[in-house]
């Protein structure tokens, strides 16, 4: 059921990821509720407006807590929509590692010019 909710959330809330330029690094908004900012928790993905790291909530889900228990544990600072977004983006989150990007930079094709041959 959790996987189905995450897929439904991702389909309903898919939008381009925003990147805001800052003087000390790049703030990357991974969604409506999750942000990776080098100035906050060393760039690890956190929930907006908090210092609650996404990997902690993902571990709570892995340990078997349901969404209502997680919302209660964080005093409502992590709403169910944020938990759904975290589970949808879980493939991008690495524990204790800053978010470094998507690694989808444009790649140059190798040159097709023949190499010069010495005569």
C-alpha atoms as a PDB file:
ATOM      1  CA  UNK A   1       0.000   0.000   0.000  1.00  0.00           C
ATOM      2  CA  UNK A   2       2.864   2.365   0.820  1.00  0.00           C
ATOM      3  CA  UNK A   3       4.412   1.873  -2.602  1.00  0.00           C
ATOM      4  CA  UNK A   4       1.080   2.536  -4.302  1.00  0.00           C
ATOM      5  CA  UNK A   5       0.596   5.768  -2.320  1.00  0.00           C
ATOM      6  CA  UNK A   6       4.106   6.889  -3.173  1.00  0.00           C
ATOM      7  CA  UNK A   7       3.512   6.251  -6.884  1.00  0.00           C
ATOM      8  CA  UNK A   8       0.180   8.086  -6.780  1.00  0.00           C
ATOM      9  CA  UNK A   9       1.803  10.996  -4.956  1.00  0.00           C
ATOM     10  CA  UNK A  10       4.642  11.179  -7.455  1.00  0.00           C
ATOM     11  CA  UNK A  11       2.230  11.143 -10.399  1.00  0.00           C
ATOM     12  CA  UNK A  12      -0.020  13.801  -8.877  1.00  0.00           C
ATOM     13  CA  UNK A  13       2.753  16.102  -7.718  1.00  0.00           C
ATOM     14  CA  UNK A  14       5.398  15.724 -10.388  1.00  0.00           C
ATOM     15  CA  UNK A  15       6.855  19.088 -11.278  1.00  0.00           C
ATOM     16  CA  UNK A  16      10.283  20.356 -12.243  1.00  0.00           C
ATOM     17  CA  UNK A  17      12.880  20.585  -9.503  1.00  0.00           C
ATOM     18  CA  UNK A  18      13.851  24.128  -8.589  1.00  0.00           C
ATOM     19  CA  UNK A  19      17.410  25.216  -7.967  1.00  0.00           C
ATOM     20  CA  UNK A  20      18.047  28.498  -6.177  1.00  0.00           C
ATOM     21  CA  UNK A  21      21.476  30.032  -6.439  1.00  0.00           C
ATOM     22  CA  UNK A  22      23.077  31.116  -3.174  1.00  0.00           C
ATOM     23  CA  UNK A  23      26.455  32.563  -2.460  1.00  0.00           C
ATOM     24  CA  UNK A  24      27.618  29.553  -0.420  1.00  0.00           C
ATOM     25  CA  UNK A  25      26.227  26.761  -2.593  1.00  0.00           C
ATOM     26  CA  UNK A  26      23.136  25.600  -4.380  1.00  0.00           C
ATOM     27  CA  UNK A  27      19.811  24.978  -2.669  1.00  0.00           C
ATOM     28  CA  UNK A  28      18.003  22.184  -4.458  1.00  0.00           C
ATOM     29  CA  UNK A  29      14.274  21.785  -3.934  1.00  0.00           C
ATOM     30  CA  UNK A  30      13.588  18.111  -4.500  1.00  0.00           C
ATOM     31  CA  UNK A  31       9.836  18.634  -4.150  1.00  0.00           C
ATOM     32  CA  UNK A  32       7.252  20.610  -2.246  1.00  0.00           C
ATOM     33  CA  UNK A  33       8.434  19.356   1.141  1.00  0.00           C
ATOM     34  CA  UNK A  34      12.060  18.298   0.698  1.00  0.00           C
ATOM     35  CA  UNK A  35      15.108  20.504   0.165  1.00  0.00           C
ATOM     36  CA  UNK A  36      18.872  19.965   0.073  1.00  0.00           C
ATOM     37  CA  UNK A  37      20.796  23.066   1.147  1.00  0.00           C
ATOM     38  CA  UNK A  38      24.539  23.056   1.889  1.00  0.00           C
ATOM     39  CA  UNK A  39      23.890  25.549   4.704  1.00  0.00           C
ATOM     40  CA  UNK A  40      21.451  23.169   6.438  1.00  0.00           C
ATOM     41  CA  UNK A  41      22.672  19.819   7.808  1.00  0.00           C
ATOM     42  CA  UNK A  42      25.673  19.821   5.431  1.00  0.00           C
ATOM     43  CA  UNK A  43      23.493  19.437   2.345  1.00  0.00           C
ATOM     44  CA  UNK A  44      21.593  16.349   3.433  1.00  0.00           C
ATOM     45  CA  UNK A  45      17.954  16.355   2.268  1.00  0.00           C
ATOM     46  CA  UNK A  46      15.681  17.779   4.965  1.00  0.00           C
ATOM     47  CA  UNK A  47      12.034  18.714   5.234  1.00  0.00           C
ATOM     48  CA  UNK A  48      11.440  22.402   4.454  1.00  0.00           C
ATOM     49  CA  UNK A  49      11.431  24.671   7.474  1.00  0.00           C
ATOM     50  CA  UNK A  50      13.011  22.020   9.711  1.00  0.00           C
ATOM     51  CA  UNK A  51      16.309  20.306  10.298  1.00  0.00           C
ATOM     52  CA  UNK A  52      14.643  16.903  10.207  1.00  0.00           C
ATOM     53  CA  UNK A  53      16.626  14.765   7.800  1.00  0.00           C
ATOM     54  CA  UNK A  54      14.686  12.674   5.322  1.00  0.00           C
ATOM     55  CA  UNK A  55      16.715   9.526   5.967  1.00  0.00           C
ATOM     56  CA  UNK A  56      15.537   9.509   9.594  1.00  0.00           C
ATOM     57  CA  UNK A  57      11.883   9.391   8.530  1.00  0.00           C
ATOM     58  CA  UNK A  58      12.695   6.713   5.941  1.00  0.00           C
ATOM     59  CA  UNK A  59      14.318   4.610   8.675  1.00  0.00           C
ATOM     60  CA  UNK A  60      11.216   5.059  10.816  1.00  0.00           C
ATOM     61  CA  UNK A  61       9.116   3.731   7.934  1.00  0.00           C
ATOM     62  CA  UNK A  62      11.535   0.845   7.506  1.00  0.00           C
ATOM     63  CA  UNK A  63      11.238   0.025  11.204  1.00  0.00           C
ATOM     64  CA  UNK A  64       7.489  -0.388  10.795  1.00  0.00           C
ATOM     65  CA  UNK A  65       6.052   2.861  12.121  1.00  0.00           C
ATOM     66  CA  UNK A  66       2.940   4.010  10.305  1.00  0.00           C
ATOM     67  CA  UNK A  67       2.496   7.533   8.980  1.00  0.00           C
ATOM     68  CA  UNK A  68       0.314   8.712  11.883  1.00  0.00           C
ATOM     69  CA  UNK A  69       2.950   7.620  14.405  1.00  0.00           C
ATOM     70  CA  UNK A  70       5.648   9.491  12.492  1.00  0.00           C
ATOM     71  CA  UNK A  71       3.526  12.666  12.325  1.00  0.00           C
ATOM     72  CA  UNK A  72       2.938  12.401  16.092  1.00  0.00           C
ATOM     73  CA  UNK A  73       6.633  11.687  16.764  1.00  0.00           C
ATOM     74  CA  UNK A  74       7.643  14.928  15.019  1.00  0.00           C
ATOM     75  CA  UNK A  75       4.740  16.962  16.522  1.00  0.00           C
ATOM     76  CA  UNK A  76       3.154  17.544  13.127  1.00  0.00           C
ATOM     77  CA  UNK A  77       6.287  19.095  11.581  1.00  0.00           C
ATOM     78  CA  UNK A  78       6.364  16.278   9.020  1.00  0.00           C
ATOM     79  CA  UNK A  79       2.898  16.015   7.411  1.00  0.00           C
ATOM     80  CA  UNK A  80       1.687  12.868   5.610  1.00  0.00           C
ATOM     81  CA  UNK A  81       2.227  14.531   2.224  1.00  0.00           C
ATOM     82  CA  UNK A  82       5.907  15.034   3.124  1.00  0.00           C
ATOM     83  CA  UNK A  83       6.216  11.379   4.138  1.00  0.00           C
ATOM     84  CA  UNK A  84       4.724  10.337   0.788  1.00  0.00           C
ATOM     85  CA  UNK A  85       7.199  12.577  -1.012  1.00  0.00           C
ATOM     86  CA  UNK A  86      10.085  11.132   1.012  1.00  0.00           C
ATOM     87  CA  UNK A  87       9.129   7.578   0.133  1.00  0.00           C
ATOM     88  CA  UNK A  88       8.768   8.554  -3.545  1.00  0.00           C
ATOM     89  CA  UNK A  89      12.268  10.100  -3.515  1.00  0.00           C
ATOM     90  CA  UNK A  90      13.847   7.404  -1.352  1.00  0.00           C
ATOM     91  CA  UNK A  91      16.016   6.184  -4.232  1.00  0.00           C
ATOM     92  CA  UNK A  92      17.841   9.562  -4.173  1.00  0.00           C
ATOM     93  CA  UNK A  93      18.472   9.695  -0.410  1.00  0.00           C
ATOM     94  CA  UNK A  94      21.674   8.261   1.084  1.00  0.00           C
ATOM     95  CA  UNK A  95      22.144   8.195   4.856  1.00  0.00           C
ATOM     96  CA  UNK A  96      24.800  10.644   6.137  1.00  0.00           C
ATOM     97  CA  UNK A  97      25.569  11.848   2.602  1.00  0.00           C
ATOM     98  CA  UNK A  98      24.839  15.282   1.140  1.00  0.00           C
ATOM     99  CA  UNK A  99      22.706  15.411  -1.987  1.00  0.00           C
ATOM    100  CA  UNK A 100      25.115  16.013  -4.840  1.00  0.00           C
ATOM    101  CA  UNK A 101      22.710  16.146  -7.756  1.00  0.00           C
ATOM    102  CA  UNK A 102      21.324  13.887 -10.379  1.00  0.00           C
ATOM    103  CA  UNK A 103      24.496  13.353 -12.419  1.00  0.00           C
ATOM    104  CA  UNK A 104      22.693  13.837 -15.712  1.00  0.00           C
ATOM    105  CA  UNK A 105      24.974  16.430 -17.269  1.00  0.00           C
ATOM    106  CA  UNK A 106      25.132  16.576 -21.034  1.00  0.00           C
ATOM    107  CA  UNK A 107      27.765  14.312 -22.462  1.00  0.00           C
ATOM    108  CA  UNK A 108      29.796  15.122 -25.500  1.00  0.00           C
ATOM    109  CA  UNK A 109      29.967  12.631 -28.284  1.00  0.00           C
ATOM    110  CA  UNK A 110      33.444  11.547 -29.257  1.00  0.00           C
ATOM    111  CA  UNK A 111      34.904  13.222 -32.275  1.00  0.00           C
ATOM    112  CA  UNK A 112      34.527  11.296 -35.534  1.00  0.00           C
ATOM    113  CA  UNK A 113      37.499  12.919 -37.189  1.00  0.00           C
ATOM    114  CA  UNK A 114      40.161  10.416 -38.146  1.00  0.00           C
ATOM    115  CA  UNK A 115      43.339  10.615 -36.156  1.00  0.00           C
ATOM    116  CA  UNK A 116      46.300  11.931 -38.128  1.00  0.00           C
ATOM    117  CA  UNK A 117      48.722   9.287 -39.272  1.00  0.00           C
ATOM    118  CA  UNK A 118      52.429  10.061 -39.456  1.00  0.00           C
ATOM    119  CA  UNK A 119      53.885   9.433 -42.885  1.00  0.00           C
END
